[in-house]
Amino acid sequence: MSKLTKFFVGNLPWTVSSRELRKYFASFGHVATADVLFDHSTGLSKGYGFVQFSTTGGYESVLNNDKHELDGQTLVLKTADFQ
C-alpha cells in the first residue's frame, strides 16, 4: 500500500464545503479524503480542514505550488502526516 500523505488546510472561506475542498485539490492528484471541520453546536465551519492524498505525487504537486487560493482567500497549508 502506498504512503498516504496529509495536509492541514487553514484559512478556508466559510462557504467552502468538503466537496469543494476535494475538487480544488483533485487537480494535484488523487484525493483519498477531504474534510472541512464544523462546529457541532453552531453548524458553522471552523475555517480549517484536512486533505489526504493516496499517492506522494499529489502531495509533492501541492508542495511545488507556492500559492493556493480558494474563493479569493489564500490557503495556509501545513504537513500533517499521521502514520
PDB file of N, CA and C in Angstrom:
ATOM      1  N   MET A   1       0.841  -1.183   0.000  1.00  0.00           N
ATOM      2  CA  MET A   1       0.000   0.000   0.000  1.00  0.00           C
ATOM      3  C   MET A   1       0.882   1.241   0.000  1.00  0.00           C
ATOM      4  N   SER A   2       0.514   2.236  -0.821  1.00  0.00           N
ATOM      5  CA  SER A   2       1.329   3.432  -0.905  1.00  0.00           C
ATOM      6  C   SER A   2       1.123   4.314   0.331  1.00  0.00           C
ATOM      7  N   LYS A   3       2.127   5.126   0.602  1.00  0.00           N
ATOM      8  CA  LYS A   3       2.071   6.017   1.756  1.00  0.00           C
ATOM      9  C   LYS A   3       0.983   7.073   1.538  1.00  0.00           C
ATOM     10  N   LEU A   4       0.156   7.283   2.537  1.00  0.00           N
ATOM     11  CA  LEU A   4      -0.851   8.330   2.476  1.00  0.00           C
ATOM     12  C   LEU A   4      -0.266   9.598   3.063  1.00  0.00           C
ATOM     13  N   THR A   5      -0.500  10.716   2.414  1.00  0.00           N
ATOM     14  CA  THR A   5       0.094  11.963   2.842  1.00  0.00           C
ATOM     15  C   THR A   5      -0.997  13.002   3.061  1.00  0.00           C
ATOM     16  N   LYS A   6      -0.912  13.685   4.187  1.00  0.00           N
ATOM     17  CA  LYS A   6      -1.991  14.552   4.637  1.00  0.00           C
ATOM     18  C   LYS A   6      -1.528  15.988   4.865  1.00  0.00           C
ATOM     19  N   PHE A   7      -2.414  16.940   4.523  1.00  0.00           N
ATOM     20  CA  PHE A   7      -2.187  18.354   4.756  1.00  0.00           C
ATOM     21  C   PHE A   7      -3.257  18.904   5.687  1.00  0.00           C
ATOM     22  N   PHE A   8      -2.849  19.793   6.566  1.00  0.00           N
ATOM     23  CA  PHE A   8      -3.771  20.668   7.283  1.00  0.00           C
ATOM     24  C   PHE A   8      -4.009  21.841   6.341  1.00  0.00           C
ATOM     25  N   VAL A   9      -5.263  22.245   6.166  1.00  0.00           N
ATOM     26  CA  VAL A   9      -5.597  23.375   5.305  1.00  0.00           C
ATOM     27  C   VAL A   9      -6.318  24.414   6.158  1.00  0.00           C
ATOM     28  N   GLY A  10      -5.677  25.560   6.352  1.00  0.00           N
ATOM     29  CA  GLY A  10      -6.259  26.621   7.156  1.00  0.00           C
ATOM     30  C   GLY A  10      -6.667  27.812   6.317  1.00  0.00           C
ATOM     31  N   ASN A  11      -7.321  28.764   6.949  1.00  0.00           N
ATOM     32  CA  ASN A  11      -7.822  29.983   6.315  1.00  0.00           C
ATOM     33  C   ASN A  11      -8.852  29.673   5.228  1.00  0.00           C
ATOM     34  N   LEU A  12      -9.636  28.632   5.451  1.00  0.00           N
ATOM     35  CA  LEU A  12     -10.694  28.289   4.491  1.00  0.00           C
ATOM     36  C   LEU A  12     -11.833  29.300   4.579  1.00  0.00           C
ATOM     37  N   PRO A  13     -12.354  29.725   3.429  1.00  0.00           N
ATOM     38  CA  PRO A  13     -13.540  30.581   3.458  1.00  0.00           C
ATOM     39  C   PRO A  13     -14.702  29.828   4.113  1.00  0.00           C
ATOM     40  N   TRP A  14     -15.574  30.562   4.786  1.00  0.00           N
ATOM     41  CA  TRP A  14     -16.706  29.946   5.486  1.00  0.00           C
ATOM     42  C   TRP A  14     -17.629  29.194   4.541  1.00  0.00           C
ATOM     43  N   THR A  15     -17.594  29.549   3.272  1.00  0.00           N
ATOM     44  CA  THR A  15     -18.517  28.976   2.287  1.00  0.00           C
ATOM     45  C   THR A  15     -18.025  27.664   1.688  1.00  0.00           C
ATOM     46  N   VAL A  16     -16.794  27.264   1.982  1.00  0.00           N
ATOM     47  CA  VAL A  16     -16.208  26.071   1.355  1.00  0.00           C
ATOM     48  C   VAL A  16     -16.631  24.803   2.090  1.00  0.00           C
ATOM     49  N   SER A  17     -17.117  23.844   1.315  1.00  0.00           N
ATOM     50  CA  SER A  17     -17.517  22.543   1.859  1.00  0.00           C
ATOM     51  C   SER A  17     -16.419  21.522   1.589  1.00  0.00           C
ATOM     52  N   SER A  18     -16.588  20.336   2.141  1.00  0.00           N
ATOM     53  CA  SER A  18     -15.629  19.250   1.894  1.00  0.00           C
ATOM     54  C   SER A  18     -15.575  18.907   0.407  1.00  0.00           C
ATOM     55  N   ARG A  19     -16.700  18.979  -0.265  1.00  0.00           N
ATOM     56  CA  ARG A  19     -16.756  18.667  -1.703  1.00  0.00           C
ATOM     57  C   ARG A  19     -15.920  19.666  -2.501  1.00  0.00           C
ATOM     58  N   GLU A  20     -16.032  20.953  -2.176  1.00  0.00           N
ATOM     59  CA  GLU A  20     -15.258  21.975  -2.878  1.00  0.00           C
ATOM     60  C   GLU A  20     -13.772  21.851  -2.565  1.00  0.00           C
ATOM     61  N   LEU A  21     -13.447  21.488  -1.335  1.00  0.00           N
ATOM     62  CA  LEU A  21     -12.051  21.279  -0.960  1.00  0.00           C
ATOM     63  C   LEU A  21     -11.457  20.122  -1.766  1.00  0.00           C
ATOM     64  N   ARG A  22     -12.204  19.038  -1.863  1.00  0.00           N
ATOM     65  CA  ARG A  22     -11.767  17.876  -2.658  1.00  0.00           C
ATOM     66  C   ARG A  22     -11.572  18.264  -4.120  1.00  0.00           C
ATOM     67  N   LYS A  23     -12.516  19.004  -4.664  1.00  0.00           N
ATOM     68  CA  LYS A  23     -12.452  19.396  -6.077  1.00  0.00           C
ATOM     69  C   LYS A  23     -11.205  20.229  -6.350  1.00  0.00           C
ATOM     70  N   TYR A  24     -10.901  21.180  -5.476  1.00  0.00           N
ATOM     71  CA  TYR A  24      -9.719  22.023  -5.673  1.00  0.00           C
ATOM     72  C   TYR A  24      -8.442  21.179  -5.683  1.00  0.00           C
ATOM     73  N   PHE A  25      -8.277  20.320  -4.681  1.00  0.00           N
ATOM     74  CA  PHE A  25      -7.039  19.564  -4.557  1.00  0.00           C
ATOM     75  C   PHE A  25      -6.946  18.382  -5.510  1.00  0.00           C
ATOM     76  N   ALA A  26      -8.050  17.964  -6.101  1.00  0.00           N
ATOM     77  CA  ALA A  26      -8.027  16.861  -7.074  1.00  0.00           C
ATOM     78  C   ALA A  26      -7.206  17.214  -8.314  1.00  0.00           C
ATOM     79  N   SER A  27      -7.016  18.492  -8.572  1.00  0.00           N
ATOM     80  CA  SER A  27      -6.201  18.884  -9.724  1.00  0.00           C
ATOM     81  C   SER A  27      -4.717  18.573  -9.511  1.00  0.00           C
ATOM     82  N   PHE A  28      -4.332  18.252  -8.274  1.00  0.00           N
ATOM     83  CA  PHE A  28      -2.936  17.937  -7.962  1.00  0.00           C
ATOM     84  C   PHE A  28      -2.671  16.440  -7.879  1.00  0.00           C
ATOM     85  N   GLY A  29      -3.721  15.646  -7.735  1.00  0.00           N
ATOM     86  CA  GLY A  29      -3.564  14.200  -7.622  1.00  0.00           C
ATOM     87  C   GLY A  29      -4.806  13.585  -7.004  1.00  0.00           C
ATOM     88  N   HIS A  30      -4.795  12.268  -6.869  1.00  0.00           N
ATOM     89  CA  HIS A  30      -5.960  11.570  -6.324  1.00  0.00           C
ATOM     90  C   HIS A  30      -6.122  11.871  -4.837  1.00  0.00           C
ATOM     91  N   VAL A  31      -7.263  12.452  -4.489  1.00  0.00           N
ATOM     92  CA  VAL A  31      -7.564  12.807  -3.101  1.00  0.00           C
ATOM     93  C   VAL A  31      -8.256  11.625  -2.434  1.00  0.00           C
ATOM     94  N   ALA A  32      -7.651  11.088  -1.374  1.00  0.00           N
ATOM     95  CA  ALA A  32      -8.247   9.987  -0.624  1.00  0.00           C
ATOM     96  C   ALA A  32      -9.366  10.508   0.273  1.00  0.00           C
ATOM     97  N   THR A  33      -9.114  11.617   0.979  1.00  0.00           N
ATOM     98  CA  THR A  33     -10.127  12.251   1.831  1.00  0.00           C
ATOM     99  C   THR A  33      -9.942  13.759   1.813  1.00  0.00           C
ATOM    100  N   ALA A  34     -11.048  14.467   1.977  1.00  0.00           N
ATOM    101  CA  ALA A  34     -11.032  15.920   2.102  1.00  0.00           C
ATOM    102  C   ALA A  34     -12.152  16.276   3.072  1.00  0.00           C
ATOM    103  N   ASP A  35     -11.789  16.854   4.202  1.00  0.00           N
ATOM    104  CA  ASP A  35     -12.774  17.144   5.243  1.00  0.00           C
ATOM    105  C   ASP A  35     -12.621  18.557   5.776  1.00  0.00           C
ATOM    106  N   VAL A  36     -13.712  19.308   5.732  1.00  0.00           N
ATOM    107  CA  VAL A  36     -13.787  20.605   6.398  1.00  0.00           C
ATOM    108  C   VAL A  36     -14.403  20.338   7.762  1.00  0.00           C
ATOM    109  N   LEU A  37     -13.825  20.917   8.814  1.00  0.00           N
ATOM    110  CA  LEU A  37     -14.363  20.705  10.158  1.00  0.00           C
ATOM    111  C   LEU A  37     -15.401  21.764  10.506  1.00  0.00           C
ATOM    112  N   PHE A  38     -16.477  21.316  11.140  1.00  0.00           N
ATOM    113  CA  PHE A  38     -17.577  22.192  11.511  1.00  0.00           C
ATOM    114  C   PHE A  38     -17.800  22.140  13.011  1.00  0.00           C
ATOM    115  N   ASP A  39     -18.222  23.260  13.572  1.00  0.00           N
ATOM    116  CA  ASP A  39     -18.576  23.335  14.984  1.00  0.00           C
ATOM    117  C   ASP A  39     -19.916  22.638  15.170  1.00  0.00           C
ATOM    118  N   HIS A  40     -19.969  21.655  16.049  1.00  0.00           N
ATOM    119  CA  HIS A  40     -21.196  20.870  16.227  1.00  0.00           C
ATOM    120  C   HIS A  40     -22.335  21.689  16.828  1.00  0.00           C
ATOM    121  N   SER A  41     -22.019  22.674  17.659  1.00  0.00           N
ATOM    122  CA  SER A  41     -23.094  23.439  18.299  1.00  0.00           C
ATOM    123  C   SER A  41     -23.686  24.513  17.381  1.00  0.00           C
ATOM    124  N   THR A  42     -22.853  25.107  16.517  1.00  0.00           N
ATOM    125  CA  THR A  42     -23.350  26.175  15.645  1.00  0.00           C
ATOM    126  C   THR A  42     -23.592  25.709  14.209  1.00  0.00           C
ATOM    127  N   GLY A  43     -22.916  24.625  13.803  1.00  0.00           N
ATOM    128  CA  GLY A  43     -23.023  24.158  12.424  1.00  0.00           C
ATOM    129  C   GLY A  43     -22.175  24.952  11.450  1.00  0.00           C
ATOM    130  N   LEU A  44     -21.386  25.905  11.951  1.00  0.00           N
ATOM    131  CA  LEU A  44     -20.548  26.739  11.093  1.00  0.00           C
ATOM    132  C   LEU A  44     -19.163  26.119  10.917  1.00  0.00           C
ATOM    133  N   SER A  45     -18.561  26.422   9.779  1.00  0.00           N
ATOM    134  CA  SER A  45     -17.212  25.956   9.500  1.00  0.00           C
ATOM    135  C   SER A  45     -16.244  26.528  10.520  1.00  0.00           C
ATOM    136  N   LYS A  46     -15.269  25.720  10.910  1.00  0.00           N
ATOM    137  CA  LYS A  46     -14.213  26.195  11.805  1.00  0.00           C
ATOM    138  C   LYS A  46     -13.106  26.904  11.024  1.00  0.00           C
ATOM    139  N   GLY A  47     -13.204  26.889   9.686  1.00  0.00           N
ATOM    140  CA  GLY A  47     -12.224  27.589   8.859  1.00  0.00           C
ATOM    141  C   GLY A  47     -10.979  26.780   8.558  1.00  0.00           C
ATOM    142  N   TYR A  48     -11.029  25.481   8.845  1.00  0.00           N
ATOM    143  CA  TYR A  48      -9.891  24.624   8.513  1.00  0.00           C
ATOM    144  C   TYR A  48     -10.366  23.201   8.229  1.00  0.00           C
ATOM    145  N   GLY A  49      -9.448  22.431   7.681  1.00  0.00           N
ATOM    146  CA  GLY A  49      -9.774  21.041   7.361  1.00  0.00           C
ATOM    147  C   GLY A  49      -8.509  20.273   7.042  1.00  0.00           C
ATOM    148  N   PHE A  50      -8.697  19.083   6.489  1.00  0.00           N
ATOM    149  CA  PHE A  50      -7.575  18.204   6.145  1.00  0.00           C
ATOM    150  C   PHE A  50      -7.809  17.595   4.775  1.00  0.00           C
ATOM    151  N   VAL A  51      -6.726  17.447   4.025  1.00  0.00           N
ATOM    152  CA  VAL A  51      -6.762  16.779   2.725  1.00  0.00           C
ATOM    153  C   VAL A  51      -5.700  15.705   2.750  1.00  0.00           C
ATOM    154  N   GLN A  52      -6.089  14.506   2.330  1.00  0.00           N
ATOM    155  CA  GLN A  52      -5.150  13.387   2.297  1.00  0.00           C
ATOM    156  C   GLN A  52      -5.106  12.819   0.889  1.00  0.00           C
ATOM    157  N   PHE A  53      -3.896  12.688   0.361  1.00  0.00           N
ATOM    158  CA  PHE A  53      -3.681  12.117  -0.969  1.00  0.00           C
ATOM    159  C   PHE A  53      -3.363  10.640  -0.858  1.00  0.00           C
ATOM    160  N   SER A  54      -3.735   9.891  -1.881  1.00  0.00           N
ATOM    161  CA  SER A  54      -3.451   8.457  -1.875  1.00  0.00           C
ATOM    162  C   SER A  54      -2.061   8.150  -2.423  1.00  0.00           C
ATOM    163  N   THR A  55      -1.400   9.155  -3.011  1.00  0.00           N
ATOM    164  CA  THR A  55      -0.036   8.971  -3.516  1.00  0.00           C
ATOM    165  C   THR A  55       0.832  10.149  -3.095  1.00  0.00           C
ATOM    166  N   THR A  56       2.127   9.928  -3.071  1.00  0.00           N
ATOM    167  CA  THR A  56       3.035  11.025  -2.741  1.00  0.00           C
ATOM    168  C   THR A  56       3.108  12.029  -3.885  1.00  0.00           C
ATOM    169  N   GLY A  57       2.736  11.625  -5.093  1.00  0.00           N
ATOM    170  CA  GLY A  57       2.757  12.538  -6.242  1.00  0.00           C
ATOM    171  C   GLY A  57       1.841  13.731  -6.044  1.00  0.00           C
ATOM    172  N   GLY A  58       0.642  13.502  -5.543  1.00  0.00           N
ATOM    173  CA  GLY A  58      -0.292  14.591  -5.281  1.00  0.00           C
ATOM    174  C   GLY A  58       0.235  15.523  -4.214  1.00  0.00           C
ATOM    175  N   TYR A  59       0.789  14.941  -3.178  1.00  0.00           N
ATOM    176  CA  TYR A  59       1.380  15.696  -2.073  1.00  0.00           C
ATOM    177  C   TYR A  59       2.492  16.609  -2.585  1.00  0.00           C
ATOM    178  N   GLU A  60       3.381  16.044  -3.393  1.00  0.00           N
ATOM    179  CA  GLU A  60       4.508  16.808  -3.930  1.00  0.00           C
ATOM    180  C   GLU A  60       4.048  17.897  -4.884  1.00  0.00           C
ATOM    181  N   SER A  61       3.003  17.626  -5.660  1.00  0.00           N
ATOM    182  CA  SER A  61       2.457  18.643  -6.570  1.00  0.00           C
ATOM    183  C   SER A  61       1.947  19.845  -5.798  1.00  0.00           C
ATOM    184  N   VAL A  62       1.303  19.602  -4.671  1.00  0.00           N
ATOM    185  CA  VAL A  62       0.824  20.704  -3.828  1.00  0.00           C
ATOM    186  C   VAL A  62       2.006  21.503  -3.299  1.00  0.00           C
ATOM    187  N   LEU A  63       3.044  20.821  -2.851  1.00  0.00           N
ATOM    188  CA  LEU A  63       4.235  21.500  -2.319  1.00  0.00           C
ATOM    189  C   LEU A  63       4.933  22.346  -3.379  1.00  0.00           C
ATOM    190  N   ASN A  64       4.882  21.906  -4.631  1.00  0.00           N
ATOM    191  CA  ASN A  64       5.549  22.621  -5.715  1.00  0.00           C
ATOM    192  C   ASN A  64       4.805  23.887  -6.136  1.00  0.00           C
ATOM    193  N   ASN A  65       3.609  24.074  -5.648  1.00  0.00           N
ATOM    194  CA  ASN A  65       2.814  25.265  -5.942  1.00  0.00           C
ATOM    195  C   ASN A  65       2.965  26.236  -4.774  1.00  0.00           C
ATOM    196  N   ASP A  66       3.476  27.444  -5.039  1.00  0.00           N
ATOM    197  CA  ASP A  66       3.756  28.401  -3.971  1.00  0.00           C
ATOM    198  C   ASP A  66       2.510  28.945  -3.289  1.00  0.00           C
ATOM    199  N   LYS A  67       1.440  29.123  -4.043  1.00  0.00           N
ATOM    200  CA  LYS A  67       0.261  29.787  -3.500  1.00  0.00           C
ATOM    201  C   LYS A  67      -0.998  29.001  -3.865  1.00  0.00           C
ATOM    202  N   HIS A  68      -1.869  28.841  -2.881  1.00  0.00           N
ATOM    203  CA  HIS A  68      -3.140  28.158  -3.104  1.00  0.00           C
ATOM    204  C   HIS A  68      -4.264  29.090  -2.682  1.00  0.00           C
ATOM    205  N   GLU A  69      -5.209  29.324  -3.598  1.00  0.00           N
ATOM    206  CA  GLU A  69      -6.343  30.192  -3.327  1.00  0.00           C
ATOM    207  C   GLU A  69      -7.642  29.467  -3.588  1.00  0.00           C
ATOM    208  N   LEU A  70      -8.624  29.736  -2.727  1.00  0.00           N
ATOM    209  CA  LEU A  70      -9.949  29.156  -2.888  1.00  0.00           C
ATOM    210  C   LEU A  70     -10.962  30.221  -2.518  1.00  0.00           C
ATOM    211  N   ASP A  71     -11.865  30.514  -3.425  1.00  0.00           N
ATOM    212  CA  ASP A  71     -12.871  31.569  -3.235  1.00  0.00           C
ATOM    213  C   ASP A  71     -12.248  32.887  -2.793  1.00  0.00           C
ATOM    214  N   GLY A  72     -11.095  33.216  -3.390  1.00  0.00           N
ATOM    215  CA  GLY A  72     -10.453  34.506  -3.128  1.00  0.00           C
ATOM    216  C   GLY A  72      -9.596  34.583  -1.878  1.00  0.00           C
ATOM    217  N   GLN A  73      -9.489  33.506  -1.125  1.00  0.00           N
ATOM    218  CA  GLN A  73      -8.659  33.513   0.077  1.00  0.00           C
ATOM    219  C   GLN A  73      -7.433  32.634  -0.124  1.00  0.00           C
ATOM    220  N   THR A  74      -6.297  33.112   0.373  1.00  0.00           N
ATOM    221  CA  THR A  74      -5.063  32.335   0.306  1.00  0.00           C
ATOM    222  C   THR A  74      -5.091  31.286   1.419  1.00  0.00           C
ATOM    223  N   LEU A  75      -4.919  30.046   1.029  1.00  0.00           N
ATOM    224  CA  LEU A  75      -4.952  28.939   1.990  1.00  0.00           C
ATOM    225  C   LEU A  75      -3.625  28.797   2.708  1.00  0.00           C
ATOM    226  N   VAL A  76      -3.672  28.354   3.946  1.00  0.00           N
ATOM    227  CA  VAL A  76      -2.484  28.063   4.732  1.00  0.00           C
ATOM    228  C   VAL A  76      -2.355  26.545   4.794  1.00  0.00           C
ATOM    229  N   LEU A  77      -1.241  26.014   4.309  1.00  0.00           N
ATOM    230  CA  LEU A  77      -1.030  24.573   4.276  1.00  0.00           C
ATOM    231  C   LEU A  77       0.125  24.181   5.186  1.00  0.00           C
ATOM    232  N   LYS A  78      -0.095  23.112   5.934  1.00  0.00           N
ATOM    233  CA  LYS A  78       0.966  22.538   6.765  1.00  0.00           C
ATOM    234  C   LYS A  78       0.886  21.029   6.627  1.00  0.00           C
ATOM    235  N   THR A  79       2.038  20.378   6.631  1.00  0.00           N
ATOM    236  CA  THR A  79       2.031  18.931   6.560  1.00  0.00           C
ATOM    237  C   THR A  79       1.435  18.368   7.840  1.00  0.00           C
ATOM    238  N   ALA A  80       0.703  17.290   7.692  1.00  0.00           N
ATOM    239  CA  ALA A  80       0.021  16.673   8.847  1.00  0.00           C
ATOM    240  C   ALA A  80       0.060  15.170   8.689  1.00  0.00           C
ATOM    241  N   ASP A  81       1.252  14.607   8.633  1.00  0.00           N
ATOM    242  CA  ASP A  81       1.384  13.155   8.459  1.00  0.00           C
ATOM    243  C   ASP A  81       1.135  12.437   9.774  1.00  0.00           C
ATOM    244  N   PHE A  82       0.162  11.578   9.767  1.00  0.00           N
ATOM    245  CA  PHE A  82      -0.173  10.763  10.943  1.00  0.00           C
ATOM    246  C   PHE A  82      -0.032   9.312  10.540  1.00  0.00           C
ATOM    247  N   GLN A  83       1.139   8.801  10.525  1.00  0.00           N
ATOM    248  CA  GLN A  83       1.368   7.415  10.090  1.00  0.00           C
ATOM    249  C   GLN A  83       1.532   6.527  11.296  1.00  0.00           C
TER     250      GLN A  83
END
